[in-house]
Amino acid sequence: MRTVALLFAIALGIEAQTVSVTGQVAIVRKQGAAGGADSANAVVWLTPFGSASAPLVKPGTFEILQKKKHFLPHVLVAPIGSTVSFPNLDPFFHNVFSMFEGKRFDLGLYESGATARVKFDRAGISYIFCNIHPEMSAVVVAVNTPYYAVTNKAGQFAIADVPAGRYMLAVWHERATAKAAPATIREVTISPEATALPKIELIDAGHLILPHKNKYGQDYEVPSRSEPVYK
């Protein structure tokens, strides 16, 4: 009956009622662990049940800067089909690549002031690195829904304009342990009377992204003082 009513409302040009969904994600750490009480950069998204209620996912254009040997932002969430630019703002070369999960790509070596782009055409989590600087890392989470958010330092988030209905709630954080995965996917029902989600707790694995190889599957070379300044 709810689906019939929704279709009837659409036929009459009446917009379905939407709400702002709020919640909090807490990264639970051992006492004295690095990161303190910071629960930022958890990605939360809602996927409706059933093809009849599938939302229109609009691809966008996003940007991850390369500046002072960092990717900014470190975590980016985007609808599938979106394009992400990787401008090089450093006075030396970078080589952005992802050869692990999610979207696989290699942008090659490019100079200061140049920009390269990647289209993230399927849902998944892409771990991104620089082939020259092993300390650089970023994550792009591509989702098949317009209902998503990234938490602030307090772990708080808000997802605007969510229609009432049943959803699959998914939560991801790079520090979460593998054991936390089943608890990060659950069914929720959103209504005007139920817009605040229960607090979500993730157990900290004690590290960020694990040590990784370069794009050739080899260890990074230890820099020497004789290296050119463009590296």
Protein backbone atom coordinates (compact mmCIF):
# COMPACT_ATOMS: atom_id res chain seq x y z
CA MET A 1 0.00 0.00 0.00
CA ARG A 2 2.86 2.39 0.79
CA THR A 3 4.40 1.82 -2.65
CA VAL A 4 1.04 2.39 -4.37
CA ALA A 5 0.55 5.60 -2.41
CA LEU A 6 4.04 6.78 -3.32
CA LEU A 7 3.45 6.11 -7.04
CA PHE A 8 0.09 7.87 -6.85
CA ALA A 9 1.75 10.88 -5.25
CA ILE A 10 4.41 10.96 -7.98
CA ALA A 11 1.72 10.76 -10.68
CA LEU A 12 0.02 13.81 -9.15
CA GLY A 13 3.30 15.68 -8.97
CA ILE A 14 3.39 15.58 -5.17
CA GLU A 15 6.86 15.21 -3.69
CA ALA A 16 7.34 12.46 -1.12
CA GLN A 17 8.03 13.73 2.38
CA THR A 18 11.72 13.72 3.22
CA VAL A 19 13.59 14.04 6.49
CA SER A 20 17.12 14.68 7.74
CA VAL A 21 18.63 11.51 9.20
CA THR A 22 21.14 12.04 12.01
CA GLY A 23 23.41 9.79 14.03
CA GLN A 24 26.83 9.23 15.55
CA VAL A 25 29.67 6.80 14.91
CA ALA A 26 32.14 6.14 17.73
CA ILE A 27 35.58 4.67 17.02
CA VAL A 28 36.35 2.70 20.20
CA ARG A 29 40.08 2.70 20.94
CA LYS A 30 42.22 1.16 23.63
CA GLN A 31 43.37 3.55 26.30
CA GLY A 32 46.39 5.53 25.10
CA ALA A 33 45.93 4.53 21.46
CA ALA A 34 46.73 7.03 18.70
CA GLY A 35 43.79 9.02 17.45
CA GLY A 36 42.29 9.87 20.82
CA ALA A 37 38.58 10.58 20.67
CA ASP A 38 38.66 11.50 16.97
CA SER A 39 35.85 9.69 15.12
CA ALA A 40 36.10 11.63 11.86
CA ASN A 41 36.01 10.19 8.33
CA ALA A 42 33.54 7.37 8.91
CA VAL A 43 31.36 7.03 5.80
CA VAL A 44 27.66 6.33 6.32
CA TRP A 45 25.19 5.59 3.52
CA LEU A 46 21.58 4.43 3.13
CA THR A 47 20.44 2.18 0.27
CA PRO A 48 16.64 1.73 -0.21
CA PHE A 49 15.14 -1.74 -0.39
CA GLY A 50 13.50 -2.79 -3.66
CA SER A 51 14.04 -1.60 -7.22
CA ALA A 52 10.75 0.34 -7.20
CA SER A 53 12.17 2.69 -4.58
CA ALA A 54 15.64 2.97 -6.11
CA PRO A 55 16.74 6.62 -5.97
CA LEU A 56 18.15 8.59 -8.86
CA VAL A 57 21.92 8.66 -8.40
CA LYS A 58 23.44 11.78 -9.92
CA PRO A 59 27.20 11.64 -10.64
CA GLY A 60 29.18 14.68 -9.61
CA THR A 61 32.64 16.18 -9.97
CA PHE A 62 35.01 16.11 -7.01
CA GLU A 63 38.61 16.97 -6.23
CA ILE A 64 41.40 15.48 -4.14
CA LEU A 65 44.38 17.82 -3.87
CA GLN A 66 48.01 16.72 -3.68
CA LYS A 67 49.62 19.24 -1.38
CA LYS A 68 52.66 19.00 0.91
CA LYS A 69 52.82 15.25 0.22
CA HIS A 70 49.24 14.73 1.40
CA PHE A 71 45.94 13.93 -0.30
CA LEU A 72 43.24 16.42 0.73
CA PRO A 73 40.65 15.31 1.68
CA HIS A 74 41.93 11.99 2.94
CA VAL A 75 38.48 10.37 2.60
CA LEU A 76 36.00 11.20 -0.15
CA VAL A 77 32.55 9.67 -0.76
CA ALA A 78 30.89 10.07 -4.16
CA PRO A 79 27.96 8.61 -6.13
CA ILE A 80 28.92 6.06 -8.79
CA GLY A 81 29.72 7.62 -12.15
CA SER A 82 31.38 10.61 -10.50
CA THR A 83 34.68 12.04 -11.72
CA VAL A 84 37.47 12.87 -9.28
CA SER A 85 40.31 15.23 -10.22
CA PHE A 86 43.77 14.89 -8.69
CA PRO A 87 45.55 18.26 -9.17
CA ASN A 88 49.24 18.37 -8.24
CA LEU A 89 49.87 21.47 -6.10
CA ASP A 90 53.36 20.41 -5.02
CA PRO A 91 56.56 21.70 -6.69
CA PHE A 92 57.51 18.16 -7.72
CA PHE A 93 56.10 15.11 -9.50
CA HIS A 94 53.42 12.71 -8.27
CA ASN A 95 52.09 9.41 -9.59
CA VAL A 96 48.60 8.59 -8.30
CA PHE A 97 47.49 4.97 -8.53
CA SER A 98 45.10 2.38 -7.09
CA MET A 99 45.87 -1.29 -7.72
CA PHE A 100 43.99 -2.83 -4.84
CA GLU A 101 40.23 -2.94 -4.18
CA GLY A 102 37.64 -0.77 -5.91
CA LYS A 103 38.63 1.18 -9.03
CA ARG A 104 42.02 0.17 -10.44
CA PHE A 105 43.98 2.91 -12.23
CA ASP A 106 47.43 4.42 -12.75
CA LEU A 107 47.63 8.12 -13.67
CA GLY A 108 51.34 7.99 -14.42
CA LEU A 109 53.95 10.59 -13.54
CA TYR A 110 52.78 14.19 -13.85
CA GLU A 111 54.28 17.52 -12.94
CA SER A 112 53.44 20.42 -10.66
CA GLY A 113 50.32 22.29 -11.79
CA ALA A 114 48.97 19.39 -13.83
CA THR A 115 45.68 17.58 -13.17
CA ALA A 116 44.55 14.03 -13.91
CA ARG A 117 41.02 12.62 -13.57
CA VAL A 118 39.37 9.28 -12.79
CA LYS A 119 35.74 8.20 -13.27
CA PHE A 120 34.52 5.92 -10.48
CA ASP A 121 31.96 3.87 -12.40
CA ARG A 122 31.11 1.17 -9.88
CA ALA A 123 30.41 0.96 -6.18
CA GLY A 124 33.35 0.08 -3.96
CA ILE A 125 36.22 1.32 -1.82
CA SER A 126 39.37 2.48 -3.61
CA TYR A 127 42.64 2.82 -1.68
CA ILE A 128 44.78 5.42 -3.40
CA PHE A 129 48.54 6.01 -3.13
CA CYS A 130 51.42 7.86 -4.77
CA ASN A 131 54.06 5.71 -6.44
CA ILE A 132 56.81 8.14 -5.36
CA HIS A 133 55.79 9.05 -1.79
CA PRO A 134 54.71 6.04 0.34
CA GLU A 135 53.37 8.29 3.12
CA MET A 136 50.58 9.57 0.85
CA SER A 137 47.22 7.77 1.02
CA ALA A 138 43.56 8.50 0.37
CA VAL A 139 40.30 6.58 0.08
CA VAL A 140 37.40 7.08 -2.34
CA VAL A 141 34.13 5.38 -1.36
CA ALA A 142 31.83 5.15 -4.40
CA VAL A 143 28.19 4.48 -3.45
CA ASN A 144 25.07 3.62 -5.43
CA THR A 145 22.83 6.05 -3.53
CA PRO A 146 22.46 9.81 -3.02
CA TYR A 147 21.99 9.35 0.73
CA TYR A 148 25.43 9.50 2.35
CA ALA A 149 27.56 11.49 4.77
CA VAL A 150 31.03 11.66 6.34
CA THR A 151 31.36 12.07 10.11
CA ASN A 152 33.05 15.00 11.86
CA LYS A 153 35.60 14.60 14.68
CA ALA A 154 32.81 13.89 17.16
CA GLY A 155 31.49 11.14 14.89
CA GLN A 156 28.31 13.06 14.10
CA PHE A 157 26.64 13.00 10.70
CA ALA A 158 23.46 14.17 8.96
CA ILE A 159 21.95 12.90 5.70
CA ALA A 160 19.48 15.37 4.21
CA ASP A 161 16.35 14.79 2.09
CA VAL A 162 15.84 11.10 2.84
CA PRO A 163 12.34 9.79 1.93
CA ALA A 164 10.57 7.69 4.56
CA GLY A 165 11.01 3.95 4.07
CA ARG A 166 13.21 0.90 4.70
CA TYR A 167 16.94 1.14 4.08
CA MET A 168 20.12 -0.84 4.40
CA LEU A 169 22.51 1.18 6.55
CA ALA A 170 26.22 0.73 5.80
CA VAL A 171 29.16 2.23 7.70
CA TRP A 172 32.85 2.15 6.79
CA HIS A 173 35.97 3.43 8.52
CA GLU A 174 39.55 2.61 7.60
CA ARG A 175 40.49 1.89 11.23
CA ALA A 176 37.60 -0.51 11.90
CA THR A 177 38.48 -4.16 12.55
CA ALA A 178 37.26 -6.90 10.23
CA LYS A 179 35.19 -8.30 13.11
CA ALA A 180 33.15 -5.07 13.11
CA ALA A 181 31.98 -5.59 9.52
CA PRO A 182 28.74 -7.52 10.28
CA ALA A 183 27.69 -4.83 12.76
CA THR A 184 28.20 -2.05 10.22
CA ILE A 185 25.44 -3.25 7.88
CA ARG A 186 21.90 -3.33 9.20
CA GLU A 187 18.30 -2.60 8.23
CA VAL A 188 16.71 0.63 9.45
CA THR A 189 13.29 2.22 8.96
CA ILE A 190 13.16 5.97 8.42
CA SER A 191 10.00 7.99 9.14
CA PRO A 192 9.13 11.51 10.31
CA GLU A 193 8.99 10.04 13.82
CA ALA A 194 12.24 8.08 13.51
CA THR A 195 15.05 10.20 12.07
CA ALA A 196 17.79 9.67 14.67
CA LEU A 197 19.73 6.42 14.25
CA PRO A 198 21.10 4.49 17.24
CA LYS A 199 24.76 5.14 18.07
CA ILE A 200 27.14 2.99 16.03
CA GLU A 201 30.35 1.72 17.64
CA LEU A 202 33.33 0.43 15.65
CA ILE A 203 36.37 -1.21 17.24
CA ASP A 204 39.65 0.42 16.25
CA ALA A 205 42.14 -1.95 14.59
CA GLY A 206 45.02 0.22 15.80
CA HIS A 207 46.28 1.35 12.40
CA LEU A 208 45.31 3.27 9.33
CA ILE A 209 46.03 1.78 5.93
CA LEU A 210 48.45 -1.13 6.19
CA PRO A 211 51.96 -0.81 4.73
CA HIS A 212 51.73 -1.22 0.97
CA LYS A 213 53.86 -1.88 -2.09
CA ASN A 214 54.32 0.49 -5.01
CA LYS A 215 52.39 0.05 -8.25
CA TYR A 216 54.88 -2.59 -9.41
CA GLY A 217 54.30 -4.71 -6.31
CA GLN A 218 57.73 -3.83 -4.94
CA ASP A 219 58.95 -2.08 -1.79
CA TYR A 220 59.44 1.68 -2.01
CA GLU A 221 63.02 2.81 -2.40
CA VAL A 222 64.59 4.58 0.55
CA PRO A 223 65.20 8.21 -0.53
CA SER A 224 68.76 9.46 -0.56
CA ARG A 225 70.19 12.96 -0.33
CA SER A 226 71.38 12.74 -3.93
CA GLU A 227 67.81 12.40 -5.32
CA PRO A 228 66.54 15.18 -7.62
CA VAL A 229 64.38 17.84 -5.96
CA TYR A 230 61.38 16.95 -8.14
CA LYS A 231 60.93 13.81 -6.08
